Structures are given as C-alpha cells and as structure tokens.
Amino acid sequence: VTGYVDDIRPHLASSSVAVVPMRIAVGIQNKVLEAMAMGLPVVPCG
C-alpha cells in the first residue's frame, strides 16, 4: 500500500496487469485510461 505518490507511472510500468474491481462506478474511469495508455491490459468489472 503506497499511499500518495508523486508519480504513478513507475508503479503502472512495473506491473503486468491493472485491475479495476469497482462495484460502484459512473462515467469514464481515469484509472482505466491511464493504465491503457501505459500499455497495460486492464481487468475491470462491468
């Protein structure tokens, strides 16, 4: 658990998969866009 980070990119870049298992979500999730832009496959809930 990192808490606040100045730059999220190293944490995304060093991972193999991004998950977004949010049960409550509306609109476009920026966390999905950021992971996609970093070239990570994303596994979100519906």
All heavy atoms as atom14 arrays in JSON, in Angstrom:
{
  "sequence": "VTGYVDDIRPHLASSSVAVVPMRIAVGIQNKVLEAMAMGLPVVPCG",
  "atom14_mask": [
    [1, 1, 1, 1, 1, 1, 1, 0, 0, 0, 0, 0, 0, 0],
    [1, 1, 1, 1, 1, 1, 1, 0, 0, 0, 0, 0, 0, 0],
    [1, 1, 1, 1, 0, 0, 0, 0, 0, 0, 0, 0, 0, 0],
    [1, 1, 1, 1, 1, 1, 1, 1, 1, 1, 1, 1, 0, 0],
    [1, 1, 1, 1, 1, 1, 1, 0, 0, 0, 0, 0, 0, 0],
    [1, 1, 1, 1, 1, 1, 1, 1, 0, 0, 0, 0, 0, 0],
    [1, 1, 1, 1, 1, 1, 1, 1, 0, 0, 0, 0, 0, 0],
    [1, 1, 1, 1, 1, 1, 1, 1, 0, 0, 0, 0, 0, 0],
    [1, 1, 1, 1, 1, 1, 1, 1, 1, 1, 1, 0, 0, 0],
    [1, 1, 1, 1, 1, 1, 1, 0, 0, 0, 0, 0, 0, 0],
    [1, 1, 1, 1, 1, 1, 1, 1, 1, 1, 0, 0, 0, 0],
    [1, 1, 1, 1, 1, 1, 1, 1, 0, 0, 0, 0, 0, 0],
    [1, 1, 1, 1, 1, 0, 0, 0, 0, 0, 0, 0, 0, 0],
    [1, 1, 1, 1, 1, 1, 0, 0, 0, 0, 0, 0, 0, 0],
    [1, 1, 1, 1, 1, 1, 0, 0, 0, 0, 0, 0, 0, 0],
    [1, 1, 1, 1, 1, 1, 0, 0, 0, 0, 0, 0, 0, 0],
    [1, 1, 1, 1, 1, 1, 1, 0, 0, 0, 0, 0, 0, 0],
    [1, 1, 1, 1, 1, 0, 0, 0, 0, 0, 0, 0, 0, 0],
    [1, 1, 1, 1, 1, 1, 1, 0, 0, 0, 0, 0, 0, 0],
    [1, 1, 1, 1, 1, 1, 1, 0, 0, 0, 0, 0, 0, 0],
    [1, 1, 1, 1, 1, 1, 1, 0, 0, 0, 0, 0, 0, 0],
    [1, 1, 1, 1, 1, 1, 1, 1, 0, 0, 0, 0, 0, 0],
    [1, 1, 1, 1, 1, 1, 1, 1, 1, 1, 1, 0, 0, 0],
    [1, 1, 1, 1, 1, 1, 1, 1, 0, 0, 0, 0, 0, 0],
    [1, 1, 1, 1, 1, 0, 0, 0, 0, 0, 0, 0, 0, 0],
    [1, 1, 1, 1, 1, 1, 1, 0, 0, 0, 0, 0, 0, 0],
    [1, 1, 1, 1, 0, 0, 0, 0, 0, 0, 0, 0, 0, 0],
    [1, 1, 1, 1, 1, 1, 1, 1, 0, 0, 0, 0, 0, 0],
    [1, 1, 1, 1, 1, 1, 1, 1, 1, 0, 0, 0, 0, 0],
    [1, 1, 1, 1, 1, 1, 1, 1, 0, 0, 0, 0, 0, 0],
    [1, 1, 1, 1, 1, 1, 1, 1, 1, 0, 0, 0, 0, 0],
    [1, 1, 1, 1, 1, 1, 1, 0, 0, 0, 0, 0, 0, 0],
    [1, 1, 1, 1, 1, 1, 1, 1, 0, 0, 0, 0, 0, 0],
    [1, 1, 1, 1, 1, 1, 1, 1, 1, 0, 0, 0, 0, 0],
    [1, 1, 1, 1, 1, 0, 0, 0, 0, 0, 0, 0, 0, 0],
    [1, 1, 1, 1, 1, 1, 1, 1, 0, 0, 0, 0, 0, 0],
    [1, 1, 1, 1, 1, 0, 0, 0, 0, 0, 0, 0, 0, 0],
    [1, 1, 1, 1, 1, 1, 1, 1, 0, 0, 0, 0, 0, 0],
    [1, 1, 1, 1, 0, 0, 0, 0, 0, 0, 0, 0, 0, 0],
    [1, 1, 1, 1, 1, 1, 1, 1, 0, 0, 0, 0, 0, 0],
    [1, 1, 1, 1, 1, 1, 1, 0, 0, 0, 0, 0, 0, 0],
    [1, 1, 1, 1, 1, 1, 1, 0, 0, 0, 0, 0, 0, 0],
    [1, 1, 1, 1, 1, 1, 1, 0, 0, 0, 0, 0, 0, 0],
    [1, 1, 1, 1, 1, 1, 1, 0, 0, 0, 0, 0, 0, 0],
    [1, 1, 1, 1, 1, 1, 0, 0, 0, 0, 0, 0, 0, 0],
    [1, 1, 1, 1, 0, 0, 0, 0, 0, 0, 0, 0, 0, 0]
  ],
  "atom14_positions": [
    [[0.87, -1.17, 0.0], [0.0, 0.0, 0.0], [0.91, 1.22, 0.0], [1.59, 1.49, 0.98], [-0.94, 0.01, 1.23], [-1.83, 1.25, 1.21], [-1.78, -1.26, 1.27], [0.0, 0.0, 0.0], [0.0, 0.0, 0.0], [0.0, 0.0, 0.0], [0.0, 0.0, 0.0], [0.0, 0.0, 0.0], [0.0, 0.0, 0.0], [0.0, 0.0, 0.0]],
    [[0.93, 1.96, -1.09], [1.88, 3.06, -1.23], [1.44, 4.35, -0.57], [2.26, 5.17, -0.17], [2.15, 3.36, -2.71], [0.98, 3.94, -3.3], [2.55, 2.1, -3.47], [0.0, 0.0, 0.0], [0.0, 0.0, 0.0], [0.0, 0.0, 0.0], [0.0, 0.0, 0.0], [0.0, 0.0, 0.0], [0.0, 0.0, 0.0], [0.0, 0.0, 0.0]],
    [[0.12, 4.59, -0.45], [-0.34, 5.92, -0.1], [-0.09, 6.87, -1.26], [0.06, 6.44, -2.41], [0.0, 0.0, 0.0], [0.0, 0.0, 0.0], [0.0, 0.0, 0.0], [0.0, 0.0, 0.0], [0.0, 0.0, 0.0], [0.0, 0.0, 0.0], [0.0, 0.0, 0.0], [0.0, 0.0, 0.0], [0.0, 0.0, 0.0], [0.0, 0.0, 0.0]],
    [[-0.02, 8.16, -0.97], [0.19, 9.16, -2.01], [1.55, 8.98, -2.68], [2.56, 8.73, -2.0], [0.08, 10.57, -1.43], [0.48, 11.66, -2.42], [-0.42, 12.11, -3.38], [1.77, 12.19, -2.4], [-0.06, 13.07, -4.3], [2.14, 13.17, -3.32], [1.23, 13.6, -4.26], [1.6, 14.55, -5.17], [0.0, 0.0, 0.0], [0.0, 0.0, 0.0]],
    [[1.59, 9.11, -3.99], [2.86, 9.09, -4.73], [2.91, 10.29, -5.66], [1.88, 10.73, -6.18], [3.04, 7.78, -5.54], [3.15, 6.59, -4.62], [1.91, 7.6, -6.55], [0.0, 0.0, 0.0], [0.0, 0.0, 0.0], [0.0, 0.0, 0.0], [0.0, 0.0, 0.0], [0.0, 0.0, 0.0], [0.0, 0.0, 0.0], [0.0, 0.0, 0.0]],
    [[4.1, 10.84, -5.84], [4.25, 11.99, -6.74], [4.04, 11.59, -8.19], [3.58, 12.4, -9.01], [5.64, 12.61, -6.58], [5.79, 13.36, -5.26], [4.82, 14.01, -4.84], [6.88, 13.28, -4.66], [0.0, 0.0, 0.0], [0.0, 0.0, 0.0], [0.0, 0.0, 0.0], [0.0, 0.0, 0.0], [0.0, 0.0, 0.0], [0.0, 0.0, 0.0]],
    [[4.41, 10.36, -8.52], [4.35, 9.9, -9.91], [3.86, 8.46, -9.92], [4.52, 7.56, -9.4], [5.74, 9.99, -10.55], [5.7, 9.74, -12.06], [4.65, 9.3, -12.57], [6.73, 9.96, -12.72], [0.0, 0.0, 0.0], [0.0, 0.0, 0.0], [0.0, 0.0, 0.0], [0.0, 0.0, 0.0], [0.0, 0.0, 0.0], [0.0, 0.0, 0.0]],
    [[2.68, 8.24, -10.5], [2.09, 6.91, -10.51], [2.69, 6.02, -11.6], [2.6, 4.79, -11.55], [0.55, 7.02, -10.7], [-0.12, 5.68, -10.38], [0.21, 7.48, -12.1], [-1.62, 5.73, -10.47], [0.0, 0.0, 0.0], [0.0, 0.0, 0.0], [0.0, 0.0, 0.0], [0.0, 0.0, 0.0], [0.0, 0.0, 0.0], [0.0, 0.0, 0.0]],
    [[3.35, 6.62, -12.57], [3.78, 5.87, -13.75], [4.72, 4.71, -13.45], [4.54, 3.62, -14.02], [4.4, 6.83, -14.77], [3.4, 7.79, -15.4], [4.1, 8.8, -16.28], [5.03, 9.62, -15.5], [5.88, 10.49, -16.03], [5.91, 10.66, -17.35], [6.69, 11.2, -15.26], [0.0, 0.0, 0.0], [0.0, 0.0, 0.0], [0.0, 0.0, 0.0]],
    [[5.73, 4.85, -12.58], [6.59, 3.7, -12.3], [5.84, 2.49, -11.74], [6.2, 1.35, -12.03], [7.6, 4.24, -11.29], [7.64, 5.71, -11.54], [6.23, 6.07, -11.91], [0.0, 0.0, 0.0], [0.0, 0.0, 0.0], [0.0, 0.0, 0.0], [0.0, 0.0, 0.0], [0.0, 0.0, 0.0], [0.0, 0.0, 0.0], [0.0, 0.0, 0.0]],
    [[4.79, 2.75, -10.97], [4.01, 1.65, -10.39], [3.19, 0.93, -11.47], [3.02, -0.29, -11.41], [3.09, 2.19, -9.28], [3.84, 2.79, -8.15], [4.44, 2.04, -7.17], [4.1, 4.09, -7.84], [5.03, 2.85, -6.29], [4.83, 4.09, -6.68], [0.0, 0.0, 0.0], [0.0, 0.0, 0.0], [0.0, 0.0, 0.0], [0.0, 0.0, 0.0]],
    [[2.7, 1.69, -12.44], [1.99, 1.07, -13.55], [2.96, 0.35, -14.47], [2.73, -0.79, -14.87], [1.21, 2.13, -14.33], [0.05, 2.83, -13.61], [-0.51, 3.94, -14.47], [-1.04, 1.84, -13.25], [0.0, 0.0, 0.0], [0.0, 0.0, 0.0], [0.0, 0.0, 0.0], [0.0, 0.0, 0.0], [0.0, 0.0, 0.0], [0.0, 0.0, 0.0]],
    [[4.06, 1.01, -14.79], [5.01, 0.45, -15.76], [5.65, -0.84, -15.28], [6.02, -1.7, -16.09], [6.1, 1.48, -16.08], [0.0, 0.0, 0.0], [0.0, 0.0, 0.0], [0.0, 0.0, 0.0], [0.0, 0.0, 0.0], [0.0, 0.0, 0.0], [0.0, 0.0, 0.0], [0.0, 0.0, 0.0], [0.0, 0.0, 0.0], [0.0, 0.0, 0.0]],
    [[5.81, -1.01, -13.97], [6.46, -2.2, -13.44], [5.48, -3.34, -13.17], [5.87, -4.41, -12.71], [7.19, -1.87, -12.13], [6.28, -1.43, -11.14], [0.0, 0.0, 0.0], [0.0, 0.0, 0.0], [0.0, 0.0, 0.0], [0.0, 0.0, 0.0], [0.0, 0.0, 0.0], [0.0, 0.0, 0.0], [0.0, 0.0, 0.0], [0.0, 0.0, 0.0]],
    [[4.2, -3.12, -13.46], [3.18, -4.15, -13.25], [2.83, -4.83, -14.57], [3.11, -4.31, -15.65], [1.92, -3.53, -12.64], [2.21, -2.91, -11.38], [0.0, 0.0, 0.0], [0.0, 0.0, 0.0], [0.0, 0.0, 0.0], [0.0, 0.0, 0.0], [0.0, 0.0, 0.0], [0.0, 0.0, 0.0], [0.0, 0.0, 0.0], [0.0, 0.0, 0.0]],
    [[2.2, -5.98, -14.47], [1.81, -6.74, -15.67], [0.33, -6.63, -15.98], [-0.07, -6.77, -17.13], [2.19, -8.21, -15.5], [3.6, -8.36, -15.45], [0.0, 0.0, 0.0], [0.0, 0.0, 0.0], [0.0, 0.0, 0.0], [0.0, 0.0, 0.0], [0.0, 0.0, 0.0], [0.0, 0.0, 0.0], [0.0, 0.0, 0.0], [0.0, 0.0, 0.0]],
    [[-0.48, -6.39, -14.94], [-1.94, -6.33, -15.11], [-2.48, -5.23, -14.21], [-2.02, -5.07, -13.07], [-2.62, -7.66, -14.75], [-4.12, -7.57, -15.01], [-2.01, -8.83, -15.5], [0.0, 0.0, 0.0], [0.0, 0.0, 0.0], [0.0, 0.0, 0.0], [0.0, 0.0, 0.0], [0.0, 0.0, 0.0], [0.0, 0.0, 0.0], [0.0, 0.0, 0.0]],
    [[-3.44, -4.46, -14.71], [-4.17, -3.5, -13.89], [-5.58, -4.02, -13.66], [-6.2, -4.53, -14.6], [-4.21, -2.13, -14.56], [0.0, 0.0, 0.0], [0.0, 0.0, 0.0], [0.0, 0.0, 0.0], [0.0, 0.0, 0.0], [0.0, 0.0, 0.0], [0.0, 0.0, 0.0], [0.0, 0.0, 0.0], [0.0, 0.0, 0.0], [0.0, 0.0, 0.0]],
    [[-6.06, -3.91, -12.43], [-7.43, -4.33, -12.12], [-8.22, -3.12, -11.65], [-7.68, -2.21, -11.03], [-7.47, -5.44, -11.05], [-6.88, -6.73, -11.59], [-6.76, -5.02, -9.77], [0.0, 0.0, 0.0], [0.0, 0.0, 0.0], [0.0, 0.0, 0.0], [0.0, 0.0, 0.0], [0.0, 0.0, 0.0], [0.0, 0.0, 0.0], [0.0, 0.0, 0.0]],
    [[-9.51, -3.11, -11.98], [-10.41, -2.03, -11.54], [-11.72, -2.69, -11.09], [-12.74, -2.62, -11.78], [-10.67, -1.0, -12.66], [-11.47, 0.18, -12.11], [-9.36, -0.51, -13.26], [0.0, 0.0, 0.0], [0.0, 0.0, 0.0], [0.0, 0.0, 0.0], [0.0, 0.0, 0.0], [0.0, 0.0, 0.0], [0.0, 0.0, 0.0], [0.0, 0.0, 0.0]],
    [[-11.69, -3.36, -9.93], [-12.86, -4.15, -9.5], [-13.89, -3.32, -8.72], [-14.37, -3.74, -7.67], [-12.22, -5.21, -8.61], [-11.04, -4.51, -7.99], [-10.55, -3.52, -9.02], [0.0, 0.0, 0.0], [0.0, 0.0, 0.0], [0.0, 0.0, 0.0], [0.0, 0.0, 0.0], [0.0, 0.0, 0.0], [0.0, 0.0, 0.0], [0.0, 0.0, 0.0]],
    [[-14.25, -2.15, -9.24], [-15.15, -1.26, -8.52], [-16.6, -1.69, -8.69], [-17.09, -1.85, -9.8], [-14.96, 0.18, -9.01], [-13.55, 0.71, -8.77], [-13.34, 2.39, -9.4], [-14.4, 3.3, -8.25], [0.0, 0.0, 0.0], [0.0, 0.0, 0.0], [0.0, 0.0, 0.0], [0.0, 0.0, 0.0], [0.0, 0.0, 0.0], [0.0, 0.0, 0.0]],
    [[-17.28, -1.84, -7.58], [-18.69, -2.22, -7.61], [-19.57, -1.0, -7.84], [-20.72, -1.11, -8.27], [-19.14, -2.91, -6.32], [-18.16, -3.87, -5.66], [-17.3, -4.67, -6.61], [-17.99, -5.81, -7.22], [-17.45, -6.58, -8.13], [-16.22, -6.36, -8.57], [-18.14, -7.59, -8.63], [0.0, 0.0, 0.0], [0.0, 0.0, 0.0], [0.0, 0.0, 0.0]],
    [[-19.05, 0.19, -7.53], [-19.77, 1.45, -7.75], [-18.91, 2.3, -8.68], [-17.78, 2.64, -8.34], [-20.01, 2.22, -6.44], [-20.83, 1.37, -5.46], [-20.71, 3.54, -6.7], [-20.93, 1.99, -4.08], [0.0, 0.0, 0.0], [0.0, 0.0, 0.0], [0.0, 0.0, 0.0], [0.0, 0.0, 0.0], [0.0, 0.0, 0.0], [0.0, 0.0, 0.0]],
    [[-19.42, 2.61, -9.87], [-18.62, 3.4, -10.82], [-19.55, 4.06, -11.82], [-20.48, 3.43, -12.32], [-17.61, 2.51, -11.54], [0.0, 0.0, 0.0], [0.0, 0.0, 0.0], [0.0, 0.0, 0.0], [0.0, 0.0, 0.0], [0.0, 0.0, 0.0], [0.0, 0.0, 0.0], [0.0, 0.0, 0.0], [0.0, 0.0, 0.0], [0.0, 0.0, 0.0]],
    [[-19.28, 5.32, -12.1], [-20.04, 6.05, -13.12], [-19.04, 6.77, -14.02], [-17.91, 7.05, -13.64], [-21.02, 7.07, -12.5], [-22.14, 6.36, -11.76], [-20.29, 8.04, -11.56], [0.0, 0.0, 0.0], [0.0, 0.0, 0.0], [0.0, 0.0, 0.0], [0.0, 0.0, 0.0], [0.0, 0.0, 0.0], [0.0, 0.0, 0.0], [0.0, 0.0, 0.0]],
    [[-19.47, 7.08, -15.23], [-18.62, 7.82, -16.15], [-17.39, 7.03, -16.57], [-17.32, 5.81, -16.43], [0.0, 0.0, 0.0], [0.0, 0.0, 0.0], [0.0, 0.0, 0.0], [0.0, 0.0, 0.0], [0.0, 0.0, 0.0], [0.0, 0.0, 0.0], [0.0, 0.0, 0.0], [0.0, 0.0, 0.0], [0.0, 0.0, 0.0], [0.0, 0.0, 0.0]],
    [[-16.43, 7.74, -17.12], [-15.18, 7.12, -17.56], [-14.19, 7.12, -16.4], [-13.9, 8.18, -15.81], [-14.58, 7.87, -18.77], [-15.44, 7.63, -20.01], [-13.15, 7.42, -19.04], [-14.9, 8.25, -21.27], [0.0, 0.0, 0.0], [0.0, 0.0, 0.0], [0.0, 0.0, 0.0], [0.0, 0.0, 0.0], [0.0, 0.0, 0.0], [0.0, 0.0, 0.0]],
    [[-13.66, 5.96, -16.08], [-12.68, 5.84, -15.01], [-11.3, 6.22, -15.55], [-10.74, 5.55, -16.4], [-12.67, 4.41, -14.48], [-13.98, 3.97, -13.83], [-14.29, 4.79, -12.58], [-13.45, 4.96, -11.71], [-15.51, 5.3, -12.51], [0.0, 0.0, 0.0], [0.0, 0.0, 0.0], [0.0, 0.0, 0.0], [0.0, 0.0, 0.0], [0.0, 0.0, 0.0]],
    [[-10.74, 7.31, -15.01], [-9.43, 7.75, -15.47], [-8.35, 6.7, -15.2], [-7.38, 6.59, -15.95], [-9.04, 9.07, -14.79], [-9.82, 10.24, -15.34], [-10.45, 10.14, -16.38], [-9.78, 11.36, -14.65], [0.0, 0.0, 0.0], [0.0, 0.0, 0.0], [0.0, 0.0, 0.0], [0.0, 0.0, 0.0], [0.0, 0.0, 0.0], [0.0, 0.0, 0.0]],
    [[-8.52, 5.93, -14.13], [-7.52, 4.89, -13.82], [-7.45, 3.85, -14.93], [-6.39, 3.29, -15.19], [-7.85, 4.24, -12.47], [-9.25, 3.65, -12.37], [-9.46, 2.96, -11.04], [-9.49, 3.9, -9.88], [-10.67, 4.79, -9.88], [0.0, 0.0, 0.0], [0.0, 0.0, 0.0], [0.0, 0.0, 0.0], [0.0, 0.0, 0.0], [0.0, 0.0, 0.0]],
    [[-8.59, 3.6, -15.6], [-8.59, 2.67, -16.73], [-7.84, 3.28, -17.91], [-6.99, 2.63, -18.55], [-10.03, 2.3, -17.14], [-10.02, 1.44, -18.41], [-10.74, 1.57, -16.02], [0.0, 0.0, 0.0], [0.0, 0.0, 0.0], [0.0, 0.0, 0.0], [0.0, 0.0, 0.0], [0.0, 0.0, 0.0], [0.0, 0.0, 0.0], [0.0, 0.0, 0.0]],
    [[-8.12, 4.56, -18.2], [-7.44, 5.24, -19.3], [-5.93, 5.3, -19.08], [-5.14, 5.08, -20.01], [-7.99, 6.66, -19.44], [-9.39, 6.82, -20.03], [-9.79, 8.29, -20.03], [-9.45, 6.27, -21.44], [0.0, 0.0, 0.0], [0.0, 0.0, 0.0], [0.0, 0.0, 0.0], [0.0, 0.0, 0.0], [0.0, 0.0, 0.0], [0.0, 0.0, 0.0]],
    [[-5.51, 5.6, -17.86], [-4.08, 5.73, -17.57], [-3.36, 4.4, -17.75], [-2.27, 4.34, -18.33], [-3.89, 6.28, -16.16], [-4.32, 7.73, -16.01], [-4.44, 8.2, -14.58], [-4.22, 7.38, -13.66], [-4.77, 9.38, -14.37], [0.0, 0.0, 0.0], [0.0, 0.0, 0.0], [0.0, 0.0, 0.0], [0.0, 0.0, 0.0], [0.0, 0.0, 0.0]],
    [[-3.98, 3.32, -17.25], [-3.36, 2.0, -17.39], [-3.29, 1.6, -18.86], [-2.28, 1.06, -19.34], [-4.13, 0.96, -16.58], [0.0, 0.0, 0.0], [0.0, 0.0, 0.0], [0.0, 0.0, 0.0], [0.0, 0.0, 0.0], [0.0, 0.0, 0.0], [0.0, 0.0, 0.0], [0.0, 0.0, 0.0], [0.0, 0.0, 0.0], [0.0, 0.0, 0.0]],
    [[-4.37, 1.86, -19.62], [-4.38, 1.54, -21.04], [-3.29, 2.33, -21.78], [-2.59, 1.79, -22.64], [-5.74, 1.84, -21.65], [-6.85, 0.89, -21.2], [-8.5, 1.46, -21.75], [-8.35, 1.28, -23.54], [0.0, 0.0, 0.0], [0.0, 0.0, 0.0], [0.0, 0.0, 0.0], [0.0, 0.0, 0.0], [0.0, 0.0, 0.0], [0.0, 0.0, 0.0]],
    [[-3.17, 3.62, -21.44], [-2.17, 4.45, -22.1], [-0.75, 3.96, -21.82], [0.15, 4.14, -22.64], [-2.32, 5.9, -21.64], [0.0, 0.0, 0.0], [0.0, 0.0, 0.0], [0.0, 0.0, 0.0], [0.0, 0.0, 0.0], [0.0, 0.0, 0.0], [0.0, 0.0, 0.0], [0.0, 0.0, 0.0], [0.0, 0.0, 0.0], [0.0, 0.0, 0.0]],
    [[-0.55, 3.31, -20.65], [0.75, 2.76, -20.3], [1.0, 1.39, -20.93], [2.05, 0.79, -20.73], [0.88, 2.65, -18.78], [0.83, 3.97, -18.03], [2.32, 4.96, -18.17], [3.49, 3.99, -17.27], [0.0, 0.0, 0.0], [0.0, 0.0, 0.0], [0.0, 0.0, 0.0], [0.0, 0.0, 0.0], [0.0, 0.0, 0.0], [0.0, 0.0, 0.0]],
    [[0.01, 0.9, -21.69], [0.16, -0.39, -22.36], [-0.14, -1.59, -21.5], [0.26, -2.71, -21.82], [0.0, 0.0, 0.0], [0.0, 0.0, 0.0], [0.0, 0.0, 0.0], [0.0, 0.0, 0.0], [0.0, 0.0, 0.0], [0.0, 0.0, 0.0], [0.0, 0.0, 0.0], [0.0, 0.0, 0.0], [0.0, 0.0, 0.0], [0.0, 0.0, 0.0]],
    [[-0.89, -1.38, -20.4], [-1.25, -2.49, -19.53], [-2.61, -3.07, -19.92], [-3.53, -2.31, -20.22], [-1.34, -2.03, -18.07], [-0.06, -1.86, -17.27], [-0.38, -1.33, -15.88], [0.68, -3.17, -17.15], [0.0, 0.0, 0.0], [0.0, 0.0, 0.0], [0.0, 0.0, 0.0], [0.0, 0.0, 0.0], [0.0, 0.0, 0.0], [0.0, 0.0, 0.0]],
    [[-2.76, -4.39, -19.9], [-4.1, -4.95, -20.03], [-4.88, -4.64, -18.75], [-4.31, -4.65, -17.65], [-3.85, -6.46, -20.17], [-2.53, -6.68, -19.51], [-1.73, -5.43, -19.73], [0.0, 0.0, 0.0], [0.0, 0.0, 0.0], [0.0, 0.0, 0.0], [0.0, 0.0, 0.0], [0.0, 0.0, 0.0], [0.0, 0.0, 0.0], [0.0, 0.0, 0.0]],
    [[-6.16, -4.33, -18.89], [-6.97, -3.9, -17.75], [-8.12, -4.88, -17.56], [-8.84, -5.21, -18.52], [-7.52, -2.47, -17.95], [-8.26, -2.01, -16.7], [-6.39, -1.5, -18.29], [0.0, 0.0, 0.0], [0.0, 0.0, 0.0], [0.0, 0.0, 0.0], [0.0, 0.0, 0.0], [0.0, 0.0, 0.0], [0.0, 0.0, 0.0], [0.0, 0.0, 0.0]],
    [[-8.31, -5.3, -16.3], [-9.42, -6.2, -15.96], [-10.36, -5.44, -15.02], [-10.14, -5.4, -13.81], [-8.92, -7.5, -15.29], [-10.1, -8.42, -14.97], [-7.91, -8.21, -16.19], [0.0, 0.0, 0.0], [0.0, 0.0, 0.0], [0.0, 0.0, 0.0], [0.0, 0.0, 0.0], [0.0, 0.0, 0.0], [0.0, 0.0, 0.0], [0.0, 0.0, 0.0]],
    [[-11.4, -4.78, -15.56], [-12.37, -4.08, -14.72], [-13.65, -4.91, -14.56], [-13.89, -5.87, -15.31], [-12.65, -2.82, -15.54], [-12.57, -3.31, -16.96], [-11.6, -4.49, -16.98], [0.0, 0.0, 0.0], [0.0, 0.0, 0.0], [0.0, 0.0, 0.0], [0.0, 0.0, 0.0], [0.0, 0.0, 0.0], [0.0, 0.0, 0.0], [0.0, 0.0, 0.0]],
    [[-14.47, -4.52, -13.6], [-15.81, -5.09, -13.53], [-16.7, -4.32, -14.5], [-16.3, -3.29, -15.05], [-16.35, -5.04, -12.11], [-16.62, -3.37, -11.51], [0.0, 0.0, 0.0], [0.0, 0.0, 0.0], [0.0, 0.0, 0.0], [0.0, 0.0, 0.0], [0.0, 0.0, 0.0], [0.0, 0.0, 0.0], [0.0, 0.0, 0.0], [0.0, 0.0, 0.0]],
    [[-17.9, -4.82, -14.7], [-18.77, -4.24, -15.72], [-19.11, -2.79, -15.49], [-19.16, -2.0, -16.44], [0.0, 0.0, 0.0], [0.0, 0.0, 0.0], [0.0, 0.0, 0.0], [0.0, 0.0, 0.0], [0.0, 0.0, 0.0], [0.0, 0.0, 0.0], [0.0, 0.0, 0.0], [0.0, 0.0, 0.0], [0.0, 0.0, 0.0], [0.0, 0.0, 0.0]]
  ]
}
